[in-house]
Amino acid sequence: MLVDSHCHLDFPELTSQLDDVLARARHAGVEACVTIGTRLATFSRTRAIAEQHKQVWCSIGSHPHEAKDEPVTEPGVLMEAAQHAKVVAIGETGLDYHYEHSPRADQQRNFRTHIQATRAMDLPLIVHTRDADADTITILRDEMEKGAFRGLIHCFTAGQQLASAALELGFFISASGIATFKNSNGVREVLEAVPLDRLLVETDAPYLAPVPHRGKTNEPAFVVHTAAALAELKGVSLEAVATATTANFFRLFTKASLAE
């Protein structure tokens, strides 16, 4: 069994064929997934998908790209939404200095507010970070001193400094299809050094389809290729990676359950 810990089933590329997408995932051994909130304004759509499918959960959050247009100045709106049974995480949130669709100060404010919510609700934090390693580390360390919380760096593309800091803080690291890309040797080197008991797998679908599907619309079924790439890196079987990453998922996402 595998779990796709991060996908976007509410995006039109997947919503238009959702039943088939989920059927293909089950056929590939991907028994569960989390569809991620990226805008508060569209959260009801994200939640509805999770409500309609037993083995789909969701998160509540506002992507750093949205920080300018969706200022999250207090955690209450996140906390209220997180009371729903299907909401198993806060995010995605974080910092994106690559595109900078929102000012850095707005991103940092939203990031800290999401952390307040995750701490209050005892839910994992899903962190997006791109070209912002130093500020991400600073904020996570600063907020951890205010009170413990847990989470993961999703779709890991950074260097060893961020990986080491995240692991030191008790975070998990999630590998995406980028781990299969020919030009991603640096990412693979970092992932190789991450303990297997701290790794998750994801697609970030509909984006970042792994080899051999690169260039196509990504979907949860394809997470098996990322898991296979990790197995090769670690020198273990695909079954070992599936067992470990699934156990890690349920250890982090404690609200998620496949029980009736």
Protein backbone atom coordinates (compact mmCIF):
# COMPACT_ATOMS: atom_id res chain seq x y z
CA MET A 1 0.00 0.00 0.00
CA LEU A 2 1.11 3.54 -0.82
CA VAL A 3 -0.30 6.91 0.21
CA ASP A 4 -0.08 10.00 -1.99
CA SER A 5 0.47 12.54 0.77
CA HIS A 6 0.02 15.62 -1.44
CA CYS A 7 -2.11 16.10 -4.53
CA HIS A 8 -4.66 18.58 -5.87
CA LEU A 9 -7.76 16.64 -6.82
CA ASP A 10 -9.80 19.85 -7.01
CA PHE A 11 -7.72 21.17 -9.92
CA PRO A 12 -9.61 20.86 -13.23
CA GLU A 13 -7.13 18.46 -14.84
CA LEU A 14 -8.10 15.84 -12.22
CA THR A 15 -11.64 16.84 -11.23
CA SER A 16 -12.87 16.24 -14.76
CA GLN A 17 -11.97 12.53 -14.47
CA LEU A 18 -11.86 12.04 -10.72
CA ASP A 19 -13.53 8.63 -10.49
CA ASP A 20 -11.15 7.20 -13.08
CA VAL A 21 -8.16 8.87 -11.40
CA LEU A 22 -8.99 7.28 -8.06
CA ALA A 23 -9.70 3.90 -9.66
CA ARG A 24 -6.30 3.93 -11.35
CA ALA A 25 -4.70 4.85 -8.04
CA ARG A 26 -6.28 1.87 -6.28
CA HIS A 27 -5.22 -0.42 -9.13
CA ALA A 28 -1.62 0.79 -8.65
CA GLY A 29 -1.76 0.10 -4.93
CA VAL A 30 -2.23 3.73 -3.88
CA GLU A 31 -4.99 3.29 -1.35
CA ALA A 32 -5.27 6.83 0.05
CA CYS A 33 -4.34 10.43 -0.64
CA VAL A 34 -4.59 13.95 0.72
CA THR A 35 -5.98 16.68 -1.51
CA ILE A 36 -4.38 19.93 -0.47
CA GLY A 37 -5.96 23.28 0.26
CA THR A 38 -4.26 26.14 -1.57
CA ARG A 39 -6.88 28.90 -1.26
CA LEU A 40 -9.33 29.61 1.53
CA ALA A 41 -11.77 30.85 -1.10
CA THR A 42 -11.97 27.40 -2.72
CA PHE A 43 -11.64 25.24 0.39
CA SER A 44 -15.28 24.08 0.24
CA ARG A 45 -14.52 22.45 -3.11
CA THR A 46 -11.45 20.71 -1.70
CA ARG A 47 -13.39 19.50 1.34
CA ALA A 48 -16.29 18.22 -0.77
CA ILE A 49 -13.97 15.87 -2.65
CA ALA A 50 -12.69 14.42 0.62
CA GLU A 51 -16.24 14.07 1.92
CA GLN A 52 -17.28 12.10 -1.15
CA HIS A 53 -14.43 9.57 -1.06
CA LYS A 54 -13.58 7.47 1.98
CA GLN A 55 -9.86 7.20 1.29
CA VAL A 56 -9.32 10.87 0.48
CA TRP A 57 -8.54 13.45 3.16
CA CYS A 58 -7.84 17.15 2.80
CA SER A 59 -5.98 20.08 4.33
CA ILE A 60 -6.90 23.72 4.94
CA GLY A 61 -4.47 26.41 3.92
CA SER A 62 -3.48 29.32 1.72
CA HIS A 63 -0.50 28.86 -0.59
CA PRO A 64 2.27 31.48 -0.30
CA HIS A 65 1.38 32.64 -3.82
CA GLU A 66 -1.99 33.74 -2.40
CA ALA A 67 -0.64 35.66 0.61
CA LYS A 68 -1.21 39.10 -0.91
CA ASP A 69 -4.83 38.40 -1.83
CA GLU A 70 -5.64 36.14 1.13
CA PRO A 71 -4.12 37.71 4.23
CA VAL A 72 -4.40 35.25 7.12
CA THR A 73 -3.92 37.50 10.12
CA GLU A 74 -5.37 35.25 12.81
CA PRO A 75 -5.58 31.45 13.06
CA GLY A 76 -9.29 31.20 13.84
CA VAL A 77 -10.44 30.71 10.25
CA LEU A 78 -8.00 27.81 9.84
CA MET A 79 -8.85 26.30 13.19
CA GLU A 80 -12.58 26.37 12.53
CA ALA A 81 -12.19 24.61 9.19
CA ALA A 82 -9.77 22.08 10.73
CA GLN A 83 -12.47 20.78 13.08
CA HIS A 84 -14.02 18.89 10.16
CA ALA A 85 -13.39 15.15 10.36
CA LYS A 86 -11.79 15.02 6.92
CA VAL A 87 -9.30 17.84 7.52
CA VAL A 88 -6.06 16.18 8.60
CA ALA A 89 -3.49 18.96 8.19
CA ILE A 90 -2.86 22.70 7.99
CA GLY A 91 -1.39 24.06 4.74
CA GLU A 92 0.06 24.18 2.34
CA THR A 93 1.81 27.28 3.55
CA GLY A 94 5.36 28.56 3.56
CA LEU A 95 7.59 30.74 1.43
CA ASP A 96 8.12 30.96 -2.33
CA TYR A 97 10.85 33.40 -3.29
CA HIS A 98 11.22 31.90 -6.78
CA TYR A 99 8.09 33.43 -8.28
CA GLU A 100 7.28 35.94 -5.51
CA HIS A 101 3.65 36.28 -6.56
CA SER A 102 3.15 37.82 -3.11
CA PRO A 103 5.48 40.09 -1.11
CA ARG A 104 7.82 38.26 1.24
CA ALA A 105 6.42 40.00 4.32
CA ASP A 106 2.90 38.82 3.45
CA GLN A 107 4.13 35.26 2.93
CA GLN A 108 5.96 35.28 6.25
CA ARG A 109 2.89 36.60 8.09
CA ASN A 110 0.65 33.90 6.65
CA PHE A 111 3.26 31.23 7.36
CA ARG A 112 3.41 32.14 11.03
CA THR A 113 -0.39 32.27 11.32
CA HIS A 114 -0.67 28.77 9.84
CA ILE A 115 1.87 27.59 12.42
CA GLN A 116 -0.27 29.06 15.19
CA ALA A 117 -3.22 27.04 13.89
CA THR A 118 -1.29 23.80 13.56
CA ARG A 119 0.03 24.17 17.09
CA ALA A 120 -3.44 24.88 18.49
CA MET A 121 -5.13 22.04 16.59
CA ASP A 122 -2.31 19.49 17.00
CA LEU A 123 -2.31 18.82 13.27
CA PRO A 124 0.70 18.53 10.97
CA LEU A 125 1.89 21.54 9.00
CA ILE A 126 2.47 21.17 5.26
CA VAL A 127 5.32 23.46 4.21
CA HIS A 128 6.00 24.70 0.70
CA THR A 129 9.41 26.31 0.35
CA ARG A 130 11.25 27.35 -2.79
CA ASP A 131 14.41 29.46 -2.94
CA ALA A 132 13.71 30.46 0.66
CA ASP A 133 15.73 28.00 2.73
CA ALA A 134 17.23 30.48 5.20
CA ASP A 135 13.97 32.24 6.05
CA THR A 136 12.09 28.94 6.22
CA ILE A 137 14.61 27.60 8.75
CA THR A 138 14.52 30.83 10.76
CA ILE A 139 10.73 30.88 11.00
CA LEU A 140 10.41 27.19 11.84
CA ARG A 141 13.05 27.43 14.58
CA ASP A 142 11.61 30.64 15.97
CA GLU A 143 8.08 29.27 16.08
CA MET A 144 9.22 25.95 17.56
CA GLU A 145 10.63 27.88 20.51
CA LYS A 146 7.13 29.26 21.15
CA GLY A 147 5.65 25.77 21.35
CA ALA A 148 6.14 22.40 19.67
CA PHE A 149 4.39 21.47 16.43
CA ARG A 150 4.94 18.85 13.73
CA GLY A 151 4.93 18.79 9.97
CA LEU A 152 6.72 18.07 6.75
CA ILE A 153 8.57 19.80 3.95
CA HIS A 154 6.53 18.81 0.92
CA CYS A 155 7.95 18.25 -2.57
CA PHE A 156 11.51 18.55 -1.29
CA THR A 157 13.81 20.40 -3.73
CA ALA A 158 16.18 22.19 -1.34
CA GLY A 159 19.66 21.45 -0.07
CA GLN A 160 21.17 19.61 2.84
CA GLN A 161 20.96 22.62 5.20
CA LEU A 162 17.16 22.70 5.08
CA ALA A 163 16.89 18.92 5.25
CA SER A 164 19.11 18.79 8.33
CA ALA A 165 17.21 21.61 10.03
CA ALA A 166 13.86 20.00 9.28
CA LEU A 167 14.95 16.64 10.62
CA GLU A 168 16.42 18.29 13.71
CA LEU A 169 13.02 19.89 14.36
CA GLY A 170 11.29 16.51 14.06
CA PHE A 171 9.82 17.17 10.62
CA PHE A 172 9.29 14.66 7.85
CA ILE A 173 10.43 15.15 4.25
CA SER A 174 8.27 14.30 1.25
CA ALA A 175 9.69 13.17 -2.09
CA SER A 176 7.90 13.95 -5.34
CA GLY A 177 8.40 13.01 -8.98
CA ILE A 178 11.33 15.42 -9.07
CA ALA A 179 13.34 12.59 -7.51
CA THR A 180 13.07 10.75 -10.84
CA PHE A 181 14.21 13.65 -13.05
CA LYS A 182 17.54 13.27 -14.83
CA ASN A 183 18.82 16.68 -13.66
CA SER A 184 17.90 16.20 -9.99
CA ASN A 185 21.06 14.58 -8.70
CA GLY A 186 21.35 17.11 -5.87
CA VAL A 187 17.86 16.34 -4.61
CA ARG A 188 18.52 12.61 -4.81
CA GLU A 189 21.73 12.99 -2.79
CA VAL A 190 19.81 14.70 0.00
CA LEU A 191 16.96 12.19 -0.08
CA GLU A 192 19.43 9.31 0.03
CA ALA A 193 20.67 10.60 3.38
CA VAL A 194 17.21 11.10 4.92
CA PRO A 195 16.32 8.19 7.23
CA LEU A 196 13.61 5.99 5.77
CA ASP A 197 11.49 6.49 8.86
CA ARG A 198 11.25 10.23 8.08
CA LEU A 199 10.23 10.03 4.41
CA LEU A 200 6.85 10.35 2.70
CA VAL A 201 5.96 10.20 -0.99
CA GLU A 202 3.68 12.43 -3.00
CA THR A 203 2.75 13.42 -6.54
CA ASP A 204 1.82 17.12 -6.24
CA ALA A 205 -0.57 16.14 -9.04
CA PRO A 206 -1.49 17.39 -11.57
CA TYR A 207 2.08 18.73 -11.66
CA LEU A 208 5.55 17.14 -11.74
CA ALA A 209 4.70 13.77 -13.28
CA PRO A 210 7.59 11.38 -12.64
CA VAL A 211 9.59 9.52 -15.24
CA PRO A 212 8.28 7.65 -17.29
CA HIS A 213 5.25 9.96 -17.42
CA ARG A 214 7.11 13.27 -17.37
CA GLY A 215 5.30 15.93 -19.37
CA LYS A 216 1.90 14.33 -18.83
CA THR A 217 -0.79 15.23 -16.31
CA ASN A 218 0.32 13.75 -13.01
CA GLU A 219 -2.06 11.68 -10.86
CA PRO A 220 -1.91 9.71 -7.59
CA ALA A 221 -1.26 6.37 -9.33
CA PHE A 222 2.11 7.67 -10.47
CA VAL A 223 3.46 7.97 -6.93
CA VAL A 224 4.62 4.37 -7.31
CA HIS A 225 7.42 5.64 -9.57
CA THR A 226 8.68 8.03 -6.91
CA ALA A 227 8.57 5.21 -4.37
CA ALA A 228 10.55 3.03 -6.77
CA ALA A 229 13.17 5.77 -7.17
CA LEU A 230 13.53 5.98 -3.39
CA ALA A 231 13.88 2.21 -3.19
CA GLU A 232 16.75 2.35 -5.66
CA LEU A 233 18.41 5.19 -3.74
CA LYS A 234 18.10 3.32 -0.44
CA GLY A 235 19.01 -0.09 -1.82
CA VAL A 236 15.80 -1.63 -0.50
CA SER A 237 12.69 -3.12 -2.06
CA LEU A 238 9.72 -1.14 -3.28
CA GLU A 239 7.66 -3.02 -0.70
CA ALA A 240 9.96 -1.76 2.06
CA VAL A 241 9.53 1.84 0.90
CA ALA A 242 5.77 1.42 0.62
CA THR A 243 5.55 -0.05 4.12
CA ALA A 244 7.77 2.63 5.65
CA THR A 245 6.26 5.67 3.94
CA THR A 246 2.71 4.52 4.67
CA ALA A 247 3.55 3.96 8.33
CA ASN A 248 5.23 7.37 8.42
CA PHE A 249 2.15 8.96 6.90
CA PHE A 250 -0.19 7.63 9.58
CA ARG A 251 2.35 8.48 12.28
CA LEU A 252 2.34 12.10 11.14
CA PHE A 253 -1.26 12.48 9.97
CA THR A 254 -2.74 11.07 13.14
CA LYS A 255 -6.28 12.20 12.31
CA ALA A 256 -6.33 10.13 9.12
CA SER A 257 -7.87 6.68 9.43
CA LEU A 258 -9.05 4.03 7.01
CA ALA A 259 -11.38 2.54 9.61
CA GLU A 260 -15.09 2.84 9.05
